[in-house]
């Protein structure tokens, strides 16, 4: 556990020496986490969750085209 704390302190010191790199790293992580969350939410709501209807396997789409 002591080694982990030393490594974390060392990493924070190195990031504090290069604030531009730290800003890019934080923005990159934020964009990656946000994109991952968005994609998961879309996939979860469209593909993974069952439809909110009774007997969703019996639903059909009917339309008529006038031409």
PDB file of N, CA and C in Angstrom:
ATOM      1  N   UNK A   1       0.823  -1.191   0.000  1.00  0.00           N
ATOM      2  CA  UNK A   1       0.000   0.000   0.000  1.00  0.00           C
ATOM      3  C   UNK A   1       0.865   1.252   0.000  1.00  0.00           C
ATOM      4  N   UNK A   2       1.989   1.187   0.682  1.00  0.00           N
ATOM      5  CA  UNK A   2       2.892   2.334   0.731  1.00  0.00           C
ATOM      6  C   UNK A   2       3.453   2.673  -0.635  1.00  0.00           C
ATOM      7  N   UNK A   3       3.755   1.647  -1.433  1.00  0.00           N
ATOM      8  CA  UNK A   3       4.287   1.872  -2.777  1.00  0.00           C
ATOM      9  C   UNK A   3       3.248   2.546  -3.661  1.00  0.00           C
ATOM     10  N   UNK A   4       2.003   2.164  -3.516  1.00  0.00           N
ATOM     11  CA  UNK A   4       0.929   2.766  -4.297  1.00  0.00           C
ATOM     12  C   UNK A   4       0.812   4.250  -3.986  1.00  0.00           C
ATOM     13  N   UNK A   5       0.861   4.598  -2.716  1.00  0.00           N
ATOM     14  CA  UNK A   5       0.775   6.008  -2.337  1.00  0.00           C
ATOM     15  C   UNK A   5       1.963   6.795  -2.860  1.00  0.00           C
ATOM     16  N   UNK A   6       3.157   6.202  -2.812  1.00  0.00           N
ATOM     17  CA  UNK A   6       4.333   6.872  -3.354  1.00  0.00           C
ATOM     18  C   UNK A   6       4.191   7.091  -4.852  1.00  0.00           C
ATOM     19  N   UNK A   7       3.679   6.083  -5.560  1.00  0.00           N
ATOM     20  CA  UNK A   7       3.482   6.215  -6.999  1.00  0.00           C
ATOM     21  C   UNK A   7       2.452   7.292  -7.321  1.00  0.00           C
ATOM     22  N   UNK A   8       1.374   7.351  -6.549  1.00  0.00           N
ATOM     23  CA  UNK A   8       0.365   8.385  -6.773  1.00  0.00           C
ATOM     24  C   UNK A   8       0.927   9.779  -6.528  1.00  0.00           C
ATOM     25  N   UNK A   9       1.701   9.943  -5.457  1.00  0.00           N
ATOM     26  CA  UNK A   9       2.313  11.242  -5.185  1.00  0.00           C
ATOM     27  C   UNK A   9       3.275  11.636  -6.290  1.00  0.00           C
ATOM     28  N   UNK A  10       4.059  10.672  -6.759  1.00  0.00           N
ATOM     29  CA  UNK A  10       5.006  10.947  -7.849  1.00  0.00           C
ATOM     30  C   UNK A  10       4.255  11.348  -9.121  1.00  0.00           C
ATOM     31  N   UNK A  11       3.185  10.633  -9.440  1.00  0.00           N
ATOM     32  CA  UNK A  11       2.402  10.970 -10.626  1.00  0.00           C
ATOM     33  C   UNK A  11       1.792  12.357 -10.529  1.00  0.00           C
ATOM     34  N   UNK A  12       1.272  12.711  -9.365  1.00  0.00           N
ATOM     35  CA  UNK A  12       0.701  14.048  -9.191  1.00  0.00           C
ATOM     36  C   UNK A  12       1.762  15.135  -9.288  1.00  0.00           C
ATOM     37  N   UNK A  13       2.964  14.867  -8.767  1.00  0.00           N
ATOM     38  CA  UNK A  13       4.050  15.848  -8.895  1.00  0.00           C
ATOM     39  C   UNK A  13       4.424  16.058 -10.352  1.00  0.00           C
ATOM     40  N   UNK A  14       4.493  14.975 -11.117  1.00  0.00           N
ATOM     41  CA  UNK A  14       4.854  15.084 -12.528  1.00  0.00           C
ATOM     42  C   UNK A  14       3.770  15.833 -13.320  1.00  0.00           C
ATOM     43  N   UNK A  15       2.512  15.578 -12.991  1.00  0.00           N
ATOM     44  CA  UNK A  15       1.441  16.295 -13.673  1.00  0.00           C
ATOM     45  C   UNK A  15       1.425  17.776 -13.287  1.00  0.00           C
ATOM     46  N   UNK A  16       1.770  18.078 -12.052  1.00  0.00           N
ATOM     47  CA  UNK A  16       1.800  19.470 -11.622  1.00  0.00           C
ATOM     48  C   UNK A  16       2.925  20.235 -12.324  1.00  0.00           C
ATOM     49  N   UNK A  17       4.001  19.544 -12.693  1.00  0.00           N
ATOM     50  CA  UNK A  17       5.105  20.209 -13.404  1.00  0.00           C
ATOM     51  C   UNK A  17       4.720  20.553 -14.835  1.00  0.00           C
ATOM     52  N   UNK A  18       3.795  19.798 -15.418  1.00  0.00           N
ATOM     53  CA  UNK A  18       3.357  20.030 -16.799  1.00  0.00           C
ATOM     54  C   UNK A  18       1.847  20.272 -16.819  1.00  0.00           C
ATOM     55  N   UNK A  19       1.407  21.493 -16.515  1.00  0.00           N
ATOM     56  CA  UNK A  19      -0.041  21.733 -16.440  1.00  0.00           C
ATOM     57  C   UNK A  19      -0.737  21.591 -17.797  1.00  0.00           C
ATOM     58  N   UNK A  20      -0.057  21.865 -18.898  1.00  0.00           N
ATOM     59  CA  UNK A  20      -0.663  21.693 -20.217  1.00  0.00           C
ATOM     60  C   UNK A  20      -0.974  20.237 -20.502  1.00  0.00           C
ATOM     61  N   UNK A  21      -0.032  19.367 -20.185  1.00  0.00           N
ATOM     62  CA  UNK A  21      -0.244  17.930 -20.369  1.00  0.00           C
ATOM     63  C   UNK A  21      -1.373  17.441 -19.472  1.00  0.00           C
ATOM     64  N   UNK A  22      -1.418  17.966 -18.247  1.00  0.00           N
ATOM     65  CA  UNK A  22      -2.471  17.552 -17.324  1.00  0.00           C
ATOM     66  C   UNK A  22      -3.839  17.967 -17.864  1.00  0.00           C
ATOM     67  N   UNK A  23      -3.934  19.164 -18.423  1.00  0.00           N
ATOM     68  CA  UNK A  23      -5.209  19.625 -18.978  1.00  0.00           C
ATOM     69  C   UNK A  23      -5.640  18.739 -20.143  1.00  0.00           C
ATOM     70  N   UNK A  24      -4.695  18.394 -21.015  1.00  0.00           N
ATOM     71  CA  UNK A  24      -5.027  17.528 -22.150  1.00  0.00           C
ATOM     72  C   UNK A  24      -5.441  16.146 -21.658  1.00  0.00           C
ATOM     73  N   UNK A  25      -4.758  15.626 -20.660  1.00  0.00           N
ATOM     74  CA  UNK A  25      -5.100  14.309 -20.119  1.00  0.00           C
ATOM     75  C   UNK A  25      -6.497  14.320 -19.492  1.00  0.00           C
ATOM     76  N   UNK A  26      -6.834  15.352 -18.752  1.00  0.00           N
ATOM     77  CA  UNK A  26      -8.148  15.437 -18.103  1.00  0.00           C
ATOM     78  C   UNK A  26      -9.252  15.585 -19.152  1.00  0.00           C
ATOM     79  N   UNK A  27      -9.025  16.422 -20.167  1.00  0.00           N
ATOM     80  CA  UNK A  27     -10.028  16.601 -21.217  1.00  0.00           C
ATOM     81  C   UNK A  27     -10.218  15.307 -22.002  1.00  0.00           C
ATOM     82  N   UNK A  28      -9.120  14.611 -22.291  1.00  0.00           N
ATOM     83  CA  UNK A  28      -9.216  13.344 -23.018  1.00  0.00           C
ATOM     84  C   UNK A  28      -9.999  12.309 -22.210  1.00  0.00           C
ATOM     85  N   UNK A  29      -9.710  12.202 -20.928  1.00  0.00           N
ATOM     86  CA  UNK A  29     -10.464  11.273 -20.078  1.00  0.00           C
ATOM     87  C   UNK A  29     -11.934  11.655 -20.003  1.00  0.00           C
ATOM     88  N   UNK A  30     -12.222  12.938 -19.870  1.00  0.00           N
ATOM     89  CA  UNK A  30     -13.613  13.382 -19.779  1.00  0.00           C
ATOM     90  C   UNK A  30     -14.364  13.066 -21.066  1.00  0.00           C
ATOM     91  N   UNK A  31     -13.762  13.316 -22.218  1.00  0.00           N
ATOM     92  CA  UNK A  31     -14.419  13.018 -23.489  1.00  0.00           C
ATOM     93  C   UNK A  31     -14.624  11.514 -23.665  1.00  0.00           C
ATOM     94  N   UNK A  32     -13.627  10.736 -23.300  1.00  0.00           N
ATOM     95  CA  UNK A  32     -13.747   9.286 -23.427  1.00  0.00           C
ATOM     96  C   UNK A  32     -14.827   8.721 -22.530  1.00  0.00           C
ATOM     97  N   UNK A  33     -14.879   9.171 -21.300  1.00  0.00           N
ATOM     98  CA  UNK A  33     -15.902   8.687 -20.368  1.00  0.00           C
ATOM     99  C   UNK A  33     -17.283   9.141 -20.821  1.00  0.00           C
ATOM    100  N   UNK A  34     -17.392  10.381 -21.271  1.00  0.00           N
ATOM    101  CA  UNK A  34     -18.681  10.881 -21.746  1.00  0.00           C
ATOM    102  C   UNK A  34     -19.175  10.132 -22.973  1.00  0.00           C
ATOM    103  N   UNK A  35     -18.280   9.879 -23.935  1.00  0.00           N
ATOM    104  CA  UNK A  35     -18.669   9.148 -25.145  1.00  0.00           C
ATOM    105  C   UNK A  35     -19.062   7.712 -24.799  1.00  0.00           C
ATOM    106  N   UNK A  36     -18.311   7.087 -23.931  1.00  0.00           N
ATOM    107  CA  UNK A  36     -18.625   5.716 -23.520  1.00  0.00           C
ATOM    108  C   UNK A  36     -19.994   5.653 -22.850  1.00  0.00           C
ATOM    109  N   UNK A  37     -20.270   6.604 -21.986  1.00  0.00           N
ATOM    110  CA  UNK A  37     -21.548   6.645 -21.292  1.00  0.00           C
ATOM    111  C   UNK A  37     -22.699   6.871 -22.276  1.00  0.00           C
ATOM    112  N   UNK A  38     -22.504   7.760 -23.234  1.00  0.00           N
ATOM    113  CA  UNK A  38     -23.545   8.043 -24.224  1.00  0.00           C
ATOM    114  C   UNK A  38     -23.834   6.822 -25.083  1.00  0.00           C
ATOM    115  N   UNK A  39     -22.795   6.173 -25.569  1.00  0.00           N
ATOM    116  CA  UNK A  39     -22.982   4.994 -26.419  1.00  0.00           C
ATOM    117  C   UNK A  39     -23.660   3.882 -25.634  1.00  0.00           C
ATOM    118  N   UNK A  40     -23.248   3.659 -24.405  1.00  0.00           N
ATOM    119  CA  UNK A  40     -23.888   2.624 -23.596  1.00  0.00           C
ATOM    120  C   UNK A  40     -25.356   2.937 -23.362  1.00  0.00           C
ATOM    121  N   UNK A  41     -25.683   4.194 -23.081  1.00  0.00           N
ATOM    122  CA  UNK A  41     -27.078   4.556 -22.833  1.00  0.00           C
ATOM    123  C   UNK A  41     -27.940   4.308 -24.061  1.00  0.00           C
ATOM    124  N   UNK A  42     -27.431   4.650 -25.235  1.00  0.00           N
ATOM    125  CA  UNK A  42     -28.194   4.434 -26.465  1.00  0.00           C
ATOM    126  C   UNK A  42     -28.381   2.944 -26.725  1.00  0.00           C
ATOM    127  N   UNK A  43     -27.302   2.175 -26.613  1.00  0.00           N
ATOM    128  CA  UNK A  43     -27.383   0.733 -26.854  1.00  0.00           C
ATOM    129  C   UNK A  43     -28.300   0.076 -25.831  1.00  0.00           C
ATOM    130  N   UNK A  44     -28.201   0.491 -24.585  1.00  0.00           N
ATOM    131  CA  UNK A  44     -29.025  -0.094 -23.533  1.00  0.00           C
ATOM    132  C   UNK A  44     -30.503   0.182 -23.786  1.00  0.00           C
ATOM    133  N   UNK A  45     -30.831   1.411 -24.169  1.00  0.00           N
ATOM    134  CA  UNK A  45     -32.243   1.744 -24.337  1.00  0.00           C
ATOM    135  C   UNK A  45     -32.830   1.178 -25.627  1.00  0.00           C
ATOM    136  N   UNK A  46     -32.010   0.954 -26.657  1.00  0.00           N
ATOM    137  CA  UNK A  46     -32.559   0.473 -27.927  1.00  0.00           C
ATOM    138  C   UNK A  46     -32.441  -1.033 -28.108  1.00  0.00           C
ATOM    139  N   UNK A  47     -31.390  -1.644 -27.622  1.00  0.00           N
ATOM    140  CA  UNK A  47     -31.161  -3.056 -27.908  1.00  0.00           C
ATOM    141  C   UNK A  47     -31.313  -3.982 -26.703  1.00  0.00           C
ATOM    142  N   UNK A  48     -30.930  -3.544 -25.543  1.00  0.00           N
ATOM    143  CA  UNK A  48     -30.862  -4.448 -24.402  1.00  0.00           C
ATOM    144  C   UNK A  48     -32.148  -4.501 -23.584  1.00  0.00           C
ATOM    145  N   UNK A  49     -32.834  -3.392 -23.451  1.00  0.00           N
ATOM    146  CA  UNK A  49     -34.051  -3.355 -22.650  1.00  0.00           C
ATOM    147  C   UNK A  49     -35.236  -3.871 -23.456  1.00  0.00           C
ATOM    148  N   UNK A  50     -36.119  -4.648 -22.856  1.00  0.00           N
ATOM    149  CA  UNK A  50     -37.300  -5.094 -23.601  1.00  0.00           C
ATOM    150  C   UNK A  50     -38.247  -3.919 -23.872  1.00  0.00           C
ATOM    151  N   UNK A  51     -39.043  -4.057 -24.918  1.00  0.00           N
ATOM    152  CA  UNK A  51     -39.994  -3.010 -25.255  1.00  0.00           C
ATOM    153  C   UNK A  51     -41.061  -2.888 -24.172  1.00  0.00           C
ATOM    154  N   UNK A  52     -41.558  -1.671 -23.936  1.00  0.00           N
ATOM    155  CA  UNK A  52     -42.548  -1.474 -22.856  1.00  0.00           C
ATOM    156  C   UNK A  52     -43.978  -1.791 -23.300  1.00  0.00           C
ATOM    157  N   UNK A  53     -44.168  -2.916 -23.968  1.00  0.00           N
ATOM    158  CA  UNK A  53     -45.489  -3.335 -24.411  1.00  0.00           C
ATOM    159  C   UNK A  53     -45.699  -4.782 -24.013  1.00  0.00           C
ATOM    160  N   UNK A  54     -46.945  -5.173 -23.808  1.00  0.00           N
ATOM    161  CA  UNK A  54     -47.190  -6.600 -23.585  1.00  0.00           C
ATOM    162  C   UNK A  54     -46.995  -7.356 -24.896  1.00  0.00           C
ATOM    163  N   UNK A  55     -46.391  -8.512 -24.851  1.00  0.00           N
ATOM    164  CA  UNK A  55     -46.102  -9.348 -26.030  1.00  0.00           C
ATOM    165  C   UNK A  55     -45.369  -8.573 -27.126  1.00  0.00           C
ATOM    166  N   UNK A  56     -44.179  -8.059 -26.863  1.00  0.00           N
ATOM    167  CA  UNK A  56     -43.483  -7.254 -27.874  1.00  0.00           C
ATOM    168  C   UNK A  56     -43.106  -8.050 -29.116  1.00  0.00           C
ATOM    169  N   UNK A  57     -43.067  -9.363 -29.047  1.00  0.00           N
ATOM    170  CA  UNK A  57     -42.730 -10.156 -30.218  1.00  0.00           C
ATOM    171  C   UNK A  57     -43.874 -10.209 -31.224  1.00  0.00           C
ATOM    172  N   UNK A  58     -45.056  -9.735 -30.832  1.00  0.00           N
ATOM    173  CA  UNK A  58     -46.206  -9.748 -31.733  1.00  0.00           C
ATOM    174  C   UNK A  58     -46.454  -8.389 -32.378  1.00  0.00           C
ATOM    175  N   UNK A  59     -45.604  -7.390 -32.117  1.00  0.00           N
ATOM    176  CA  UNK A  59     -45.775  -6.065 -32.709  1.00  0.00           C
ATOM    177  C   UNK A  59     -45.395  -6.100 -34.186  1.00  0.00           C
ATOM    178  N   UNK A  60     -46.154  -5.377 -35.006  1.00  0.00           N
ATOM    179  CA  UNK A  60     -45.848  -5.248 -36.422  1.00  0.00           C
ATOM    180  C   UNK A  60     -45.998  -3.786 -36.824  1.00  0.00           C
ATOM    181  N   UNK A  61     -45.395  -3.437 -37.951  1.00  0.00           N
ATOM    182  CA  UNK A  61     -45.492  -2.091 -38.490  1.00  0.00           C
ATOM    183  C   UNK A  61     -46.250  -2.168 -39.793  1.00  0.00           C
ATOM    184  N   UNK A  62     -47.338  -1.392 -39.889  1.00  0.00           N
ATOM    185  CA  UNK A  62     -48.171  -1.392 -41.090  1.00  0.00           C
ATOM    186  C   UNK A  62     -48.244   0.035 -41.616  1.00  0.00           C
ATOM    187  N   UNK A  63     -47.983   0.191 -42.905  1.00  0.00           N
ATOM    188  CA  UNK A  63     -48.141   1.518 -43.501  1.00  0.00           C
ATOM    189  C   UNK A  63     -48.607   1.354 -44.942  1.00  0.00           C
ATOM    190  N   UNK A  64     -49.117   2.451 -45.473  1.00  0.00           N
ATOM    191  CA  UNK A  64     -49.656   2.429 -46.841  1.00  0.00           C
ATOM    192  C   UNK A  64     -49.036   3.562 -47.625  1.00  0.00           C
ATOM    193  N   UNK A  65     -48.633   3.281 -48.835  1.00  0.00           N
ATOM    194  CA  UNK A  65     -48.039   4.303 -49.701  1.00  0.00           C
ATOM    195  C   UNK A  65     -48.982   4.565 -50.864  1.00  0.00           C
ATOM    196  N   UNK A  66     -49.339   5.818 -51.059  1.00  0.00           N
ATOM    197  CA  UNK A  66     -50.192   6.197 -52.175  1.00  0.00           C
ATOM    198  C   UNK A  66     -49.300   6.619 -53.338  1.00  0.00           C
ATOM    199  N   UNK A  67     -49.529   6.054 -54.500  1.00  0.00           N
ATOM    200  CA  UNK A  67     -48.653   6.401 -55.611  1.00  0.00           C
ATOM    201  C   UNK A  67     -49.252   6.283 -56.941  1.00  0.00           C
TER     202      UNK A  67
END
